[in-house]
Amino acid sequence: MLRGLNKEIRYGDNDVPEIMFSVKYSMEEELITEDSKKEIHKRLFSAIEKLSPRQKEAIYLKFQNGFDYNDISEIMDMKIEASRNLIYRAIKSLKESISQFDNGTLLLFIFNKLRNL
């Protein structure tokens, strides 16, 4: 059946049936996922509280307002390289504070939360 579908797709037969599927998670998995999100959220905001006021401001300008390093350096009255370093150190500090979680998931979560502050 798959070979037939592959041939039809390859040779442009538009009458190929669309294959749909959905994944259904158990209630347990959803609760665990929700608990994990809450824990990451709690750790993230605890980590943000540990940042210096300048780091908080730079993170806010970068991720909440979407300013580039040029704009941030002008607003904060610093050199562009200094604004890059400030944001780099702030993100590094956040990562270290929440390091027990998977880094890829953690980074996506952090950037998503910072945009939604």
C-alpha atoms as a PDB file:
ATOM      1  CA  MET A   1       0.000   0.000   0.000  1.00  0.00           C
ATOM      2  CA  LEU A   2       2.807   2.455   0.882  1.00  0.00           C
ATOM      3  CA  ARG A   3       4.609   1.731  -2.368  1.00  0.00           C
ATOM      4  CA  GLY A   4       1.428   2.549  -4.251  1.00  0.00           C
ATOM      5  CA  LEU A   5       1.050   5.797  -2.337  1.00  0.00           C
ATOM      6  CA  ASN A   6       4.684   6.693  -3.025  1.00  0.00           C
ATOM      7  CA  LYS A   7       4.199   6.113  -6.756  1.00  0.00           C
ATOM      8  CA  GLU A   8       1.037   8.192  -6.792  1.00  0.00           C
ATOM      9  CA  ILE A   9       2.749  11.016  -4.936  1.00  0.00           C
ATOM     10  CA  ARG A  10       5.872  10.854  -7.088  1.00  0.00           C
ATOM     11  CA  TYR A  11       3.960  10.884 -10.347  1.00  0.00           C
ATOM     12  CA  GLY A  12       1.558  13.645  -9.367  1.00  0.00           C
ATOM     13  CA  ASP A  13      -1.668  11.743  -8.772  1.00  0.00           C
ATOM     14  CA  ASN A  14      -3.729  14.272  -6.815  1.00  0.00           C
ATOM     15  CA  ASP A  15      -6.270  11.675  -5.720  1.00  0.00           C
ATOM     16  CA  VAL A  16      -3.970  10.421  -2.979  1.00  0.00           C
ATOM     17  CA  PRO A  17      -5.917  10.079   0.258  1.00  0.00           C
ATOM     18  CA  GLU A  18      -4.771  12.320   3.062  1.00  0.00           C
ATOM     19  CA  ILE A  19      -3.492  10.335   6.032  1.00  0.00           C
ATOM     20  CA  MET A  20      -4.440  11.933   9.331  1.00  0.00           C
ATOM     21  CA  PHE A  21      -3.540  10.862  12.826  1.00  0.00           C
ATOM     22  CA  SER A  22      -3.629  12.351  16.257  1.00  0.00           C
ATOM     23  CA  VAL A  23      -1.751  11.609  19.423  1.00  0.00           C
ATOM     24  CA  LYS A  24      -3.749  11.350  22.606  1.00  0.00           C
ATOM     25  CA  TYR A  25      -1.897  11.692  25.886  1.00  0.00           C
ATOM     26  CA  SER A  26      -3.105  10.128  29.075  1.00  0.00           C
ATOM     27  CA  MET A  27      -4.277  12.344  31.903  1.00  0.00           C
ATOM     28  CA  GLU A  28      -1.175  11.319  33.883  1.00  0.00           C
ATOM     29  CA  GLU A  29       1.148  12.505  31.131  1.00  0.00           C
ATOM     30  CA  GLU A  30      -0.707  15.807  30.868  1.00  0.00           C
ATOM     31  CA  LEU A  31      -0.472  16.338  34.646  1.00  0.00           C
ATOM     32  CA  ILE A  32       3.247  15.525  34.640  1.00  0.00           C
ATOM     33  CA  THR A  33       3.791  17.923  31.739  1.00  0.00           C
ATOM     34  CA  GLU A  34       1.810  20.629  33.520  1.00  0.00           C
ATOM     35  CA  ASP A  35       3.760  20.063  36.753  1.00  0.00           C
ATOM     36  CA  SER A  36       7.031  20.283  34.836  1.00  0.00           C
ATOM     37  CA  LYS A  37       5.951  23.556  33.246  1.00  0.00           C
ATOM     38  CA  LYS A  38       5.005  24.960  36.646  1.00  0.00           C
ATOM     39  CA  GLU A  39       8.360  23.921  38.108  1.00  0.00           C
ATOM     40  CA  ILE A  40      10.289  25.478  35.216  1.00  0.00           C
ATOM     41  CA  HIS A  41       8.168  28.620  35.509  1.00  0.00           C
ATOM     42  CA  LYS A  42       8.868  28.849  39.252  1.00  0.00           C
ATOM     43  CA  ARG A  43      12.603  28.315  38.751  1.00  0.00           C
ATOM     44  CA  LEU A  44      12.722  30.800  35.893  1.00  0.00           C
ATOM     45  CA  PHE A  45      11.158  33.622  37.862  1.00  0.00           C
ATOM     46  CA  SER A  46      13.298  32.794  40.869  1.00  0.00           C
ATOM     47  CA  ALA A  47      16.343  32.979  38.569  1.00  0.00           C
ATOM     48  CA  ILE A  48      15.143  36.287  37.104  1.00  0.00           C
ATOM     49  CA  GLU A  49      14.923  37.734  40.615  1.00  0.00           C
ATOM     50  CA  LYS A  50      18.637  36.928  41.064  1.00  0.00           C
ATOM     51  CA  LEU A  51      19.620  39.018  38.026  1.00  0.00           C
ATOM     52  CA  SER A  52      20.949  42.523  38.495  1.00  0.00           C
ATOM     53  CA  PRO A  53      18.579  45.396  37.669  1.00  0.00           C
ATOM     54  CA  ARG A  54      20.620  46.152  34.508  1.00  0.00           C
ATOM     55  CA  GLN A  55      20.391  42.525  33.370  1.00  0.00           C
ATOM     56  CA  LYS A  56      16.629  42.508  33.979  1.00  0.00           C
ATOM     57  CA  GLU A  57      16.258  45.708  31.997  1.00  0.00           C
ATOM     58  CA  ALA A  58      18.342  44.404  29.090  1.00  0.00           C
ATOM     59  CA  ILE A  59      16.432  41.099  29.015  1.00  0.00           C
ATOM     60  CA  TYR A  60      13.139  43.001  29.102  1.00  0.00           C
ATOM     61  CA  LEU A  61      14.181  45.293  26.258  1.00  0.00           C
ATOM     62  CA  LYS A  62      15.478  42.413  24.128  1.00  0.00           C
ATOM     63  CA  PHE A  63      12.731  39.837  24.592  1.00  0.00           C
ATOM     64  CA  GLN A  64       9.646  41.772  25.634  1.00  0.00           C
ATOM     65  CA  ASN A  65      10.072  44.778  23.355  1.00  0.00           C
ATOM     66  CA  GLY A  66      12.073  43.090  20.610  1.00  0.00           C
ATOM     67  CA  PHE A  67      14.782  45.743  20.496  1.00  0.00           C
ATOM     68  CA  ASP A  68      18.064  44.917  18.796  1.00  0.00           C
ATOM     69  CA  TYR A  69      21.449  45.401  20.465  1.00  0.00           C
ATOM     70  CA  ASN A  70      21.860  48.820  18.825  1.00  0.00           C
ATOM     71  CA  ASP A  71      18.625  50.091  20.382  1.00  0.00           C
ATOM     72  CA  ILE A  72      19.403  48.524  23.753  1.00  0.00           C
ATOM     73  CA  SER A  73      22.838  50.111  23.835  1.00  0.00           C
ATOM     74  CA  GLU A  74      21.311  53.550  23.121  1.00  0.00           C
ATOM     75  CA  ILE A  75      18.527  53.179  25.687  1.00  0.00           C
ATOM     76  CA  MET A  76      20.878  51.904  28.383  1.00  0.00           C
ATOM     77  CA  ASP A  77      23.673  54.316  27.440  1.00  0.00           C
ATOM     78  CA  MET A  78      26.326  51.686  26.798  1.00  0.00           C
ATOM     79  CA  LYS A  79      28.340  50.303  23.913  1.00  0.00           C
ATOM     80  CA  ILE A  80      26.781  47.687  21.647  1.00  0.00           C
ATOM     81  CA  GLU A  81      29.292  45.058  22.736  1.00  0.00           C
ATOM     82  CA  ALA A  82      28.491  45.781  26.379  1.00  0.00           C
ATOM     83  CA  SER A  83      24.780  45.244  25.736  1.00  0.00           C
ATOM     84  CA  ARG A  84      25.536  41.926  24.031  1.00  0.00           C
ATOM     85  CA  ASN A  85      27.688  40.843  26.964  1.00  0.00           C
ATOM     86  CA  LEU A  86      25.064  41.917  29.487  1.00  0.00           C
ATOM     87  CA  ILE A  87      22.339  39.884  27.784  1.00  0.00           C
ATOM     88  CA  TYR A  88      24.680  36.934  27.258  1.00  0.00           C
ATOM     89  CA  ARG A  89      25.578  36.877  30.966  1.00  0.00           C
ATOM     90  CA  ALA A  90      21.926  37.212  31.972  1.00  0.00           C
ATOM     91  CA  ILE A  91      20.897  34.261  29.776  1.00  0.00           C
ATOM     92  CA  LYS A  92      23.863  32.238  31.010  1.00  0.00           C
ATOM     93  CA  SER A  93      22.838  32.952  34.601  1.00  0.00           C
ATOM     94  CA  LEU A  94      19.251  31.897  33.858  1.00  0.00           C
ATOM     95  CA  LYS A  95      20.442  28.675  32.231  1.00  0.00           C
ATOM     96  CA  GLU A  96      22.679  27.845  35.192  1.00  0.00           C
ATOM     97  CA  SER A  97      19.864  28.496  37.659  1.00  0.00           C
ATOM     98  CA  ILE A  98      17.584  26.036  35.891  1.00  0.00           C
ATOM     99  CA  SER A  99      20.214  23.629  34.584  1.00  0.00           C
ATOM    100  CA  GLN A 100      18.576  20.386  35.705  1.00  0.00           C
ATOM    101  CA  PHE A 101      16.067  20.592  32.856  1.00  0.00           C
ATOM    102  CA  ASP A 102      16.722  19.636  29.247  1.00  0.00           C
ATOM    103  CA  ASN A 103      18.555  22.629  27.719  1.00  0.00           C
ATOM    104  CA  GLY A 104      16.620  22.712  24.444  1.00  0.00           C
ATOM    105  CA  THR A 105      13.253  22.617  26.183  1.00  0.00           C
ATOM    106  CA  LEU A 106      14.482  25.044  28.783  1.00  0.00           C
ATOM    107  CA  LEU A 107      15.677  27.618  26.254  1.00  0.00           C
ATOM    108  CA  LEU A 108      12.421  27.480  24.317  1.00  0.00           C
ATOM    109  CA  PHE A 109      10.497  27.888  27.536  1.00  0.00           C
ATOM    110  CA  ILE A 110      12.660  30.793  28.720  1.00  0.00           C
ATOM    111  CA  PHE A 111      12.384  32.734  25.469  1.00  0.00           C
ATOM    112  CA  ASN A 112       8.661  32.101  25.284  1.00  0.00           C
ATOM    113  CA  LYS A 113       8.139  33.296  28.872  1.00  0.00           C
ATOM    114  CA  LEU A 114      10.347  36.330  28.434  1.00  0.00           C
ATOM    115  CA  ARG A 115       8.297  37.408  25.434  1.00  0.00           C
ATOM    116  CA  ASN A 116       5.101  37.045  27.444  1.00  0.00           C
ATOM    117  CA  LEU A 117       6.182  38.919  30.600  1.00  0.00           C
END
